C-alpha cells in the first residue's frame, strides 16, 4: 500500500513499491493526461511535478515517493485549463498531434515557476521533451507568451533531444 498526494488529494493505492508512478497515475487513478512515450525517461510525455520539480513518471518508482511529496499531473495544473501556459498553448495552436503536449506543458509550467521571464536559451535548456511533430517554434513562442515576454520566441530553434 502506498499513500500518494496527487493533485492535492491523498490517495491510497495497492501496488508494488517498484511500480512506475506513471502506471499508478494512469491505471490506478485514471488520470490519463499523463502519457506513456518511451518508458526510459527520455521523451518527457510522462512529465509531472513532484514538489514543484518536473520529473519523468515512467522512471520513478512508487516506493521512492514519500507520503509528504506533492505530485501534480496535467489534470491538477488548473481545474479548467486556465493556467497561463495552457492558455498560451491554445492561443498559439501549439499541438499538432498533441501526444507530447501534456508533458511539454508541465515542463513549461515548472520552467516559468523558476524563471518567470525566460530567454530563448533558458527555454532551450529547460524544455528537453521530445515533440515528434517538431512544434518547437510554437512551444517556445507559447512559453514566451505565458511569461508575458515581448519576445515572440521565433529566433533560433528550441532544443530537441535526438
N, C-alpha and C. Protein backbone atom coordinates (compact mmCIF):
# COMPACT_ATOMS: atom_id res chain seq x y z
N UNK A 1 0.85 -1.19 0.00
CA UNK A 1 0.00 0.00 0.00
C UNK A 1 0.89 1.24 0.00
N UNK A 2 0.55 2.16 -0.86
CA UNK A 2 1.28 3.43 -0.91
C UNK A 2 0.29 4.56 -0.76
N UNK A 3 0.68 5.59 -0.06
CA UNK A 3 -0.13 6.81 0.07
C UNK A 3 0.56 7.89 -0.75
N UNK A 4 -0.20 8.43 -1.71
CA UNK A 4 0.33 9.47 -2.60
C UNK A 4 -0.56 10.70 -2.54
N UNK A 5 0.06 11.86 -2.55
CA UNK A 5 -0.70 13.11 -2.65
C UNK A 5 -0.65 13.53 -4.11
N UNK A 6 -1.76 13.34 -4.81
CA UNK A 6 -1.82 13.67 -6.23
C UNK A 6 -2.90 14.71 -6.45
N UNK A 7 -2.48 15.81 -7.04
CA UNK A 7 -3.39 16.93 -7.32
C UNK A 7 -4.14 17.38 -6.08
N UNK A 8 -3.43 17.38 -4.94
CA UNK A 8 -3.99 17.88 -3.69
C UNK A 8 -4.82 16.89 -2.91
N UNK A 9 -4.94 15.66 -3.40
CA UNK A 9 -5.72 14.65 -2.69
C UNK A 9 -4.82 13.49 -2.28
N UNK A 10 -4.98 13.05 -1.04
CA UNK A 10 -4.27 11.85 -0.62
C UNK A 10 -4.99 10.64 -1.18
N UNK A 11 -4.21 9.77 -1.81
CA UNK A 11 -4.77 8.58 -2.44
C UNK A 11 -3.98 7.36 -1.97
N UNK A 12 -4.68 6.33 -1.55
CA UNK A 12 -4.05 5.07 -1.19
C UNK A 12 -4.16 4.14 -2.38
N UNK A 13 -3.03 3.56 -2.75
CA UNK A 13 -3.02 2.63 -3.88
C UNK A 13 -2.33 1.35 -3.47
N UNK A 14 -2.86 0.25 -3.94
CA UNK A 14 -2.32 -1.07 -3.63
C UNK A 14 -1.45 -1.50 -4.82
N UNK A 15 -0.16 -1.21 -4.76
CA UNK A 15 0.77 -1.57 -5.82
C UNK A 15 2.11 -1.93 -5.20
N UNK A 16 2.92 -2.66 -5.95
CA UNK A 16 4.28 -2.98 -5.51
C UNK A 16 5.13 -1.71 -5.52
N UNK A 17 6.09 -1.66 -4.64
CA UNK A 17 6.95 -0.48 -4.50
C UNK A 17 7.72 -0.16 -5.77
N UNK A 18 7.99 -1.17 -6.61
CA UNK A 18 8.76 -0.92 -7.82
C UNK A 18 7.89 -0.55 -9.03
N UNK A 19 6.59 -0.36 -8.81
CA UNK A 19 5.68 0.04 -9.89
C UNK A 19 6.01 1.47 -10.32
N UNK A 20 6.15 1.72 -11.61
CA UNK A 20 6.39 3.09 -12.05
C UNK A 20 5.20 4.00 -11.68
N UNK A 21 5.51 5.19 -11.23
CA UNK A 21 4.49 6.17 -10.86
C UNK A 21 3.52 6.40 -12.02
N UNK A 22 4.01 6.40 -13.24
CA UNK A 22 3.15 6.60 -14.40
C UNK A 22 1.99 5.61 -14.43
N UNK A 23 2.27 4.34 -14.13
CA UNK A 23 1.21 3.33 -14.19
C UNK A 23 0.17 3.56 -13.10
N UNK A 24 0.61 4.02 -11.95
CA UNK A 24 -0.35 4.32 -10.88
C UNK A 24 -1.23 5.50 -11.30
N UNK A 25 -0.60 6.55 -11.85
CA UNK A 25 -1.35 7.73 -12.28
C UNK A 25 -2.39 7.34 -13.32
N UNK A 26 -1.98 6.60 -14.32
CA UNK A 26 -2.88 6.27 -15.43
C UNK A 26 -3.85 5.13 -15.11
N UNK A 27 -3.32 4.02 -14.63
CA UNK A 27 -4.11 2.80 -14.50
C UNK A 27 -4.87 2.71 -13.18
N UNK A 28 -4.26 3.11 -12.09
CA UNK A 28 -4.92 3.01 -10.79
C UNK A 28 -5.84 4.20 -10.53
N UNK A 29 -5.40 5.40 -10.96
CA UNK A 29 -6.16 6.61 -10.64
C UNK A 29 -6.94 7.18 -11.82
N UNK A 30 -6.71 6.65 -13.01
CA UNK A 30 -7.48 7.07 -14.18
C UNK A 30 -7.15 8.46 -14.69
N UNK A 31 -5.99 8.98 -14.35
CA UNK A 31 -5.58 10.30 -14.83
C UNK A 31 -4.76 10.10 -16.10
N UNK A 32 -5.43 10.05 -17.22
CA UNK A 32 -4.79 9.63 -18.47
C UNK A 32 -4.18 10.77 -19.28
N UNK A 33 -4.16 11.98 -18.75
CA UNK A 33 -3.50 13.08 -19.45
C UNK A 33 -1.99 12.90 -19.50
N UNK A 34 -1.43 12.24 -18.50
CA UNK A 34 -0.01 11.93 -18.47
C UNK A 34 0.20 10.72 -19.37
N UNK A 35 1.08 10.85 -20.34
CA UNK A 35 1.21 9.83 -21.38
C UNK A 35 2.44 8.96 -21.20
N UNK A 36 2.36 7.75 -21.73
CA UNK A 36 3.50 6.85 -21.86
C UNK A 36 4.09 7.10 -23.24
N UNK A 37 5.38 7.41 -23.27
CA UNK A 37 6.04 7.62 -24.55
C UNK A 37 7.11 6.60 -24.80
N UNK A 38 8.23 6.75 -24.10
CA UNK A 38 9.38 5.89 -24.37
C UNK A 38 9.65 4.87 -23.26
N UNK A 39 9.25 5.18 -22.04
CA UNK A 39 9.48 4.28 -20.92
C UNK A 39 10.87 4.33 -20.33
N UNK A 40 11.73 5.22 -20.85
CA UNK A 40 13.10 5.32 -20.34
C UNK A 40 13.47 6.76 -19.97
N UNK A 41 12.46 7.58 -19.69
CA UNK A 41 12.66 8.96 -19.20
C UNK A 41 13.36 9.87 -20.18
N UNK A 42 13.23 9.62 -21.46
CA UNK A 42 13.88 10.46 -22.46
C UNK A 42 12.92 11.43 -23.14
N UNK A 43 11.71 11.01 -23.44
CA UNK A 43 10.83 11.84 -24.27
C UNK A 43 10.07 12.90 -23.50
N UNK A 44 9.73 12.65 -22.25
CA UNK A 44 9.04 13.63 -21.43
C UNK A 44 7.53 13.61 -21.51
N UNK A 45 6.94 12.70 -22.28
CA UNK A 45 5.48 12.64 -22.37
C UNK A 45 4.84 12.35 -21.01
N UNK A 46 5.60 11.73 -20.12
CA UNK A 46 5.10 11.33 -18.80
C UNK A 46 5.41 12.36 -17.71
N UNK A 47 5.82 13.56 -18.09
CA UNK A 47 6.25 14.57 -17.11
C UNK A 47 5.12 14.99 -16.18
N UNK A 48 5.45 15.01 -14.90
CA UNK A 48 4.57 15.52 -13.85
C UNK A 48 5.43 16.37 -12.92
N UNK A 49 4.81 17.06 -12.00
CA UNK A 49 5.55 17.82 -11.00
C UNK A 49 5.60 17.01 -9.71
N UNK A 50 6.77 16.94 -9.12
CA UNK A 50 6.96 16.34 -7.81
C UNK A 50 7.57 17.43 -6.94
N UNK A 51 6.79 17.92 -5.99
CA UNK A 51 7.23 19.02 -5.15
C UNK A 51 7.69 20.22 -5.99
N UNK A 52 7.00 20.47 -7.08
CA UNK A 52 7.29 21.62 -7.92
C UNK A 52 8.34 21.41 -8.99
N UNK A 53 8.98 20.27 -8.98
CA UNK A 53 10.02 19.97 -9.97
C UNK A 53 9.47 19.01 -11.01
N UNK A 54 9.89 19.18 -12.24
CA UNK A 54 9.47 18.25 -13.29
C UNK A 54 10.22 16.93 -13.12
N UNK A 55 9.46 15.85 -13.15
CA UNK A 55 10.04 14.50 -13.13
C UNK A 55 9.38 13.67 -14.22
N UNK A 56 10.09 12.67 -14.66
CA UNK A 56 9.57 11.73 -15.65
C UNK A 56 8.98 10.55 -14.87
N UNK A 57 7.67 10.47 -14.87
CA UNK A 57 6.99 9.49 -14.01
C UNK A 57 7.16 8.05 -14.47
N UNK A 58 7.60 7.84 -15.71
CA UNK A 58 7.78 6.46 -16.18
C UNK A 58 8.97 5.78 -15.50
N UNK A 59 9.91 6.59 -15.01
CA UNK A 59 11.11 6.00 -14.39
C UNK A 59 11.16 6.20 -12.88
N UNK A 60 10.12 6.79 -12.31
CA UNK A 60 10.07 6.98 -10.86
C UNK A 60 9.24 5.86 -10.24
N UNK A 61 9.84 5.18 -9.30
CA UNK A 61 9.14 4.09 -8.62
C UNK A 61 8.24 4.65 -7.52
N UNK A 62 7.07 4.07 -7.36
CA UNK A 62 6.15 4.50 -6.32
C UNK A 62 6.81 4.43 -4.95
N UNK A 63 7.63 3.43 -4.72
CA UNK A 63 8.32 3.28 -3.44
C UNK A 63 9.29 4.41 -3.13
N UNK A 64 9.66 5.20 -4.14
CA UNK A 64 10.57 6.33 -3.93
C UNK A 64 9.82 7.63 -3.63
N UNK A 65 8.50 7.58 -3.68
CA UNK A 65 7.68 8.76 -3.40
C UNK A 65 7.24 8.70 -1.94
N UNK A 66 7.51 9.76 -1.21
CA UNK A 66 7.11 9.83 0.20
C UNK A 66 5.66 10.31 0.31
N UNK A 67 4.98 9.94 1.37
CA UNK A 67 3.59 10.40 1.55
C UNK A 67 3.48 11.93 1.62
N UNK A 68 4.55 12.60 2.00
CA UNK A 68 4.54 14.06 2.10
C UNK A 68 4.85 14.74 0.77
N UNK A 69 5.28 13.98 -0.23
CA UNK A 69 5.56 14.56 -1.54
C UNK A 69 4.26 14.96 -2.21
N UNK A 70 4.32 16.04 -2.97
CA UNK A 70 3.14 16.52 -3.69
C UNK A 70 3.35 16.29 -5.19
N UNK A 71 2.46 15.52 -5.78
CA UNK A 71 2.52 15.22 -7.21
C UNK A 71 1.40 16.00 -7.89
N UNK A 72 1.74 16.65 -9.00
CA UNK A 72 0.72 17.35 -9.79
C UNK A 72 0.81 16.83 -11.21
N UNK A 73 -0.33 16.41 -11.74
CA UNK A 73 -0.42 15.96 -13.12
C UNK A 73 -1.02 17.08 -13.95
N UNK A 74 -1.12 16.88 -15.25
CA UNK A 74 -1.73 17.89 -16.12
C UNK A 74 -3.16 18.20 -15.66
N UNK A 75 -3.87 17.20 -15.16
CA UNK A 75 -5.24 17.43 -14.68
C UNK A 75 -5.26 18.35 -13.46
N UNK A 76 -4.18 18.38 -12.70
CA UNK A 76 -4.13 19.20 -11.49
C UNK A 76 -3.49 20.56 -11.69
N UNK A 77 -2.99 20.83 -12.88
CA UNK A 77 -2.34 22.11 -13.12
C UNK A 77 -3.33 23.25 -12.95
N UNK A 78 -4.53 23.10 -13.48
CA UNK A 78 -5.62 24.04 -13.23
C UNK A 78 -6.93 23.29 -13.47
N UNK A 79 -7.96 23.64 -12.74
CA UNK A 79 -9.22 22.89 -12.87
C UNK A 79 -9.93 23.09 -14.21
N UNK A 80 -9.62 24.18 -14.90
CA UNK A 80 -10.35 24.49 -16.12
C UNK A 80 -9.44 24.96 -17.26
N UNK A 81 -8.22 24.47 -17.27
CA UNK A 81 -7.23 24.83 -18.31
C UNK A 81 -6.96 26.33 -18.37
N UNK A 82 -7.00 26.99 -17.22
CA UNK A 82 -6.79 28.42 -17.18
C UNK A 82 -5.35 28.81 -16.81
N UNK A 83 -4.48 27.84 -16.60
CA UNK A 83 -3.08 28.16 -16.31
C UNK A 83 -2.52 28.95 -17.49
N UNK A 84 -1.68 29.95 -17.25
CA UNK A 84 -1.14 30.76 -18.35
C UNK A 84 -0.48 29.94 -19.46
N UNK A 85 0.17 28.85 -19.11
CA UNK A 85 0.80 28.02 -20.13
C UNK A 85 -0.27 27.34 -20.98
N UNK A 86 -1.30 26.83 -20.36
CA UNK A 86 -2.38 26.19 -21.11
C UNK A 86 -3.09 27.19 -22.02
N UNK A 87 -3.30 28.40 -21.52
CA UNK A 87 -3.94 29.44 -22.35
C UNK A 87 -3.05 29.79 -23.54
N UNK A 88 -1.74 29.93 -23.31
CA UNK A 88 -0.82 30.25 -24.41
C UNK A 88 -0.78 29.12 -25.43
N UNK A 89 -0.78 27.88 -24.96
CA UNK A 89 -0.77 26.73 -25.87
C UNK A 89 -1.98 26.77 -26.80
N UNK A 90 -3.14 27.07 -26.23
CA UNK A 90 -4.36 27.13 -27.03
C UNK A 90 -4.34 28.33 -27.98
N UNK A 91 -3.90 29.48 -27.47
CA UNK A 91 -3.90 30.70 -28.29
C UNK A 91 -2.99 30.57 -29.50
N UNK A 92 -1.87 29.88 -29.33
CA UNK A 92 -0.90 29.75 -30.42
C UNK A 92 -1.05 28.43 -31.17
N UNK A 93 -2.06 27.66 -30.83
CA UNK A 93 -2.32 26.39 -31.51
C UNK A 93 -1.05 25.54 -31.58
N UNK A 94 -0.43 25.35 -30.42
CA UNK A 94 0.85 24.65 -30.35
C UNK A 94 0.76 23.19 -30.78
N UNK A 95 -0.20 22.41 -30.27
CA UNK A 95 -0.19 20.98 -30.60
C UNK A 95 -0.45 20.70 -32.08
N UNK A 96 0.25 19.70 -32.55
CA UNK A 96 -0.08 19.17 -33.87
C UNK A 96 -0.81 17.86 -33.62
N UNK A 97 -0.09 16.79 -33.28
CA UNK A 97 -0.80 15.55 -32.92
C UNK A 97 -1.26 15.62 -31.46
N UNK A 98 -0.54 16.36 -30.62
CA UNK A 98 -0.94 16.58 -29.24
C UNK A 98 -0.43 15.57 -28.24
N UNK A 99 0.15 14.46 -28.68
CA UNK A 99 0.52 13.39 -27.76
C UNK A 99 1.48 13.86 -26.66
N UNK A 100 2.49 14.63 -27.02
CA UNK A 100 3.51 15.04 -26.05
C UNK A 100 3.14 16.28 -25.25
N UNK A 101 2.05 16.91 -25.61
CA UNK A 101 1.79 18.26 -25.11
C UNK A 101 1.54 18.36 -23.62
N UNK A 102 0.94 17.37 -22.99
CA UNK A 102 0.76 17.48 -21.54
C UNK A 102 2.13 17.52 -20.85
N UNK A 103 3.06 16.72 -21.32
CA UNK A 103 4.41 16.76 -20.75
C UNK A 103 5.12 18.07 -21.06
N UNK A 104 4.92 18.59 -22.27
CA UNK A 104 5.51 19.89 -22.64
C UNK A 104 4.96 20.99 -21.74
N UNK A 105 3.66 20.98 -21.52
CA UNK A 105 3.03 21.99 -20.68
C UNK A 105 3.55 21.90 -19.25
N UNK A 106 3.68 20.70 -18.72
CA UNK A 106 4.20 20.54 -17.36
C UNK A 106 5.63 21.04 -17.24
N UNK A 107 6.45 20.77 -18.27
CA UNK A 107 7.83 21.27 -18.27
C UNK A 107 7.85 22.79 -18.34
N UNK A 108 7.01 23.37 -19.18
CA UNK A 108 6.96 24.82 -19.32
C UNK A 108 6.48 25.49 -18.03
N UNK A 109 5.48 24.92 -17.39
CA UNK A 109 4.98 25.49 -16.14
C UNK A 109 6.05 25.47 -15.06
N UNK A 110 6.81 24.39 -14.98
CA UNK A 110 7.90 24.32 -14.00
C UNK A 110 8.99 25.33 -14.32
N UNK A 111 9.30 25.48 -15.60
CA UNK A 111 10.31 26.48 -16.00
C UNK A 111 9.86 27.87 -15.58
N UNK A 112 8.62 28.23 -15.86
CA UNK A 112 8.16 29.58 -15.54
C UNK A 112 8.05 29.83 -14.04
N UNK A 113 7.84 28.79 -13.27
CA UNK A 113 7.84 28.94 -11.81
C UNK A 113 9.23 29.33 -11.32
N UNK A 114 10.25 28.75 -11.93
CA UNK A 114 11.64 29.05 -11.53
C UNK A 114 12.18 30.29 -12.21
N UNK A 115 11.82 30.48 -13.48
CA UNK A 115 12.35 31.57 -14.30
C UNK A 115 11.17 32.27 -14.96
N UNK A 116 10.60 33.25 -14.27
CA UNK A 116 9.38 33.87 -14.77
C UNK A 116 9.51 34.60 -16.12
N UNK A 117 10.69 35.04 -16.47
CA UNK A 117 10.92 35.73 -17.75
C UNK A 117 12.08 35.05 -18.48
N UNK A 118 11.85 33.85 -19.00
CA UNK A 118 12.95 33.09 -19.61
C UNK A 118 13.39 33.67 -20.96
N UNK A 119 14.66 33.49 -21.24
CA UNK A 119 15.21 33.82 -22.55
C UNK A 119 15.04 32.59 -23.44
N UNK A 120 15.34 32.76 -24.72
CA UNK A 120 15.33 31.60 -25.62
C UNK A 120 16.27 30.52 -25.09
N UNK A 121 17.43 30.93 -24.59
CA UNK A 121 18.40 29.97 -24.07
C UNK A 121 17.83 29.22 -22.86
N UNK A 122 17.18 29.95 -21.97
CA UNK A 122 16.56 29.30 -20.80
C UNK A 122 15.54 28.25 -21.24
N UNK A 123 14.74 28.60 -22.23
CA UNK A 123 13.72 27.68 -22.72
C UNK A 123 14.38 26.46 -23.37
N UNK A 124 15.38 26.70 -24.20
CA UNK A 124 16.07 25.59 -24.87
C UNK A 124 16.69 24.63 -23.86
N UNK A 125 17.24 25.16 -22.78
CA UNK A 125 17.89 24.31 -21.79
C UNK A 125 16.87 23.56 -20.92
N UNK A 126 15.73 24.16 -20.66
CA UNK A 126 14.75 23.55 -19.76
C UNK A 126 13.78 22.61 -20.47
N UNK A 127 13.46 22.92 -21.71
CA UNK A 127 12.45 22.16 -22.44
C UNK A 127 13.13 21.03 -23.21
N UNK A 128 13.35 19.93 -22.52
CA UNK A 128 14.06 18.79 -23.13
C UNK A 128 13.11 17.71 -23.62
N UNK A 129 11.82 17.96 -23.52
CA UNK A 129 10.83 16.99 -24.00
C UNK A 129 10.90 16.90 -25.52
N UNK A 130 10.60 15.72 -26.03
CA UNK A 130 10.62 15.49 -27.48
C UNK A 130 9.22 15.68 -28.05
N UNK A 131 9.15 16.39 -29.17
CA UNK A 131 7.91 16.54 -29.92
C UNK A 131 8.14 15.92 -31.29
N UNK A 132 7.50 14.80 -31.54
CA UNK A 132 7.69 14.10 -32.82
C UNK A 132 7.23 14.93 -34.01
N UNK A 133 6.30 15.84 -33.78
CA UNK A 133 5.78 16.68 -34.86
C UNK A 133 6.66 17.90 -35.11
N UNK A 134 7.58 18.19 -34.20
CA UNK A 134 8.51 19.30 -34.38
C UNK A 134 7.91 20.67 -34.15
N UNK A 135 7.03 20.80 -33.18
CA UNK A 135 6.40 22.10 -32.93
C UNK A 135 7.24 22.98 -31.99
N UNK A 136 8.53 22.83 -32.03
CA UNK A 136 9.41 23.53 -31.10
C UNK A 136 9.30 25.05 -31.19
N UNK A 137 9.11 25.59 -32.39
CA UNK A 137 8.97 27.05 -32.53
C UNK A 137 7.71 27.53 -31.82
N UNK A 138 6.62 26.81 -31.99
CA UNK A 138 5.38 27.22 -31.33
C UNK A 138 5.46 27.00 -29.83
N UNK A 139 6.16 25.95 -29.40
CA UNK A 139 6.35 25.71 -27.97
C UNK A 139 7.10 26.88 -27.36
N UNK A 140 8.19 27.28 -28.00
CA UNK A 140 8.98 28.41 -27.48
C UNK A 140 8.14 29.68 -27.45
N UNK A 141 7.42 29.95 -28.52
CA UNK A 141 6.58 31.16 -28.58
C UNK A 141 5.52 31.14 -27.47
N UNK A 142 4.94 29.98 -27.21
CA UNK A 142 3.93 29.87 -26.17
C UNK A 142 4.52 30.08 -24.78
N UNK A 143 5.73 29.59 -24.55
CA UNK A 143 6.38 29.83 -23.26
C UNK A 143 6.59 31.32 -23.07
N UNK A 144 7.07 32.00 -24.12
CA UNK A 144 7.25 33.45 -24.03
C UNK A 144 5.92 34.15 -23.78
N UNK A 145 4.87 33.74 -24.47
CA UNK A 145 3.56 34.37 -24.27
C UNK A 145 3.06 34.15 -22.85
N UNK A 146 3.20 32.94 -22.34
CA UNK A 146 2.76 32.65 -20.98
C UNK A 146 3.54 33.47 -19.96
N UNK A 147 4.79 33.77 -20.28
CA UNK A 147 5.64 34.56 -19.39
C UNK A 147 5.34 36.05 -19.51
N UNK A 148 4.61 36.42 -20.56
CA UNK A 148 4.35 37.84 -20.79
C UNK A 148 5.54 38.54 -21.43
N UNK A 149 6.44 37.76 -22.01
CA UNK A 149 7.60 38.33 -22.70
C UNK A 149 7.16 38.97 -24.00
N UNK A 150 7.77 40.07 -24.34
CA UNK A 150 7.53 40.68 -25.63
C UNK A 150 8.18 39.90 -26.75
N UNK A 151 9.18 39.08 -26.41
CA UNK A 151 9.90 38.26 -27.38
C UNK A 151 8.97 37.18 -27.90
N UNK A 152 8.83 37.10 -29.18
CA UNK A 152 7.94 36.09 -29.76
C UNK A 152 8.53 34.69 -29.70
N UNK A 153 9.82 34.61 -29.42
CA UNK A 153 10.45 33.30 -29.31
C UNK A 153 10.68 32.63 -30.64
N UNK A 154 10.78 33.41 -31.71
CA UNK A 154 10.91 32.79 -33.02
C UNK A 154 12.35 32.75 -33.51
N UNK A 155 13.28 33.32 -32.78
CA UNK A 155 14.67 33.25 -33.24
C UNK A 155 15.27 31.91 -32.86
N UNK A 156 16.05 31.35 -33.74
CA UNK A 156 16.70 30.08 -33.44
C UNK A 156 15.71 28.93 -33.42
N UNK A 157 16.11 27.83 -32.77
CA UNK A 157 15.28 26.64 -32.71
C UNK A 157 15.30 26.10 -31.30
N UNK A 158 14.15 25.77 -30.78
CA UNK A 158 14.08 25.21 -29.44
C UNK A 158 14.80 23.86 -29.42
N UNK A 159 15.41 23.57 -28.31
CA UNK A 159 16.19 22.35 -28.15
C UNK A 159 15.34 21.11 -28.33
N UNK A 160 15.91 20.13 -28.94
CA UNK A 160 15.23 18.84 -29.06
C UNK A 160 16.24 17.76 -28.85
N UNK A 161 15.85 16.75 -28.07
CA UNK A 161 16.74 15.61 -27.85
C UNK A 161 16.72 14.73 -29.07
N UNK A 162 17.87 14.32 -29.50
CA UNK A 162 17.93 13.42 -30.66
C UNK A 162 18.38 12.06 -30.20
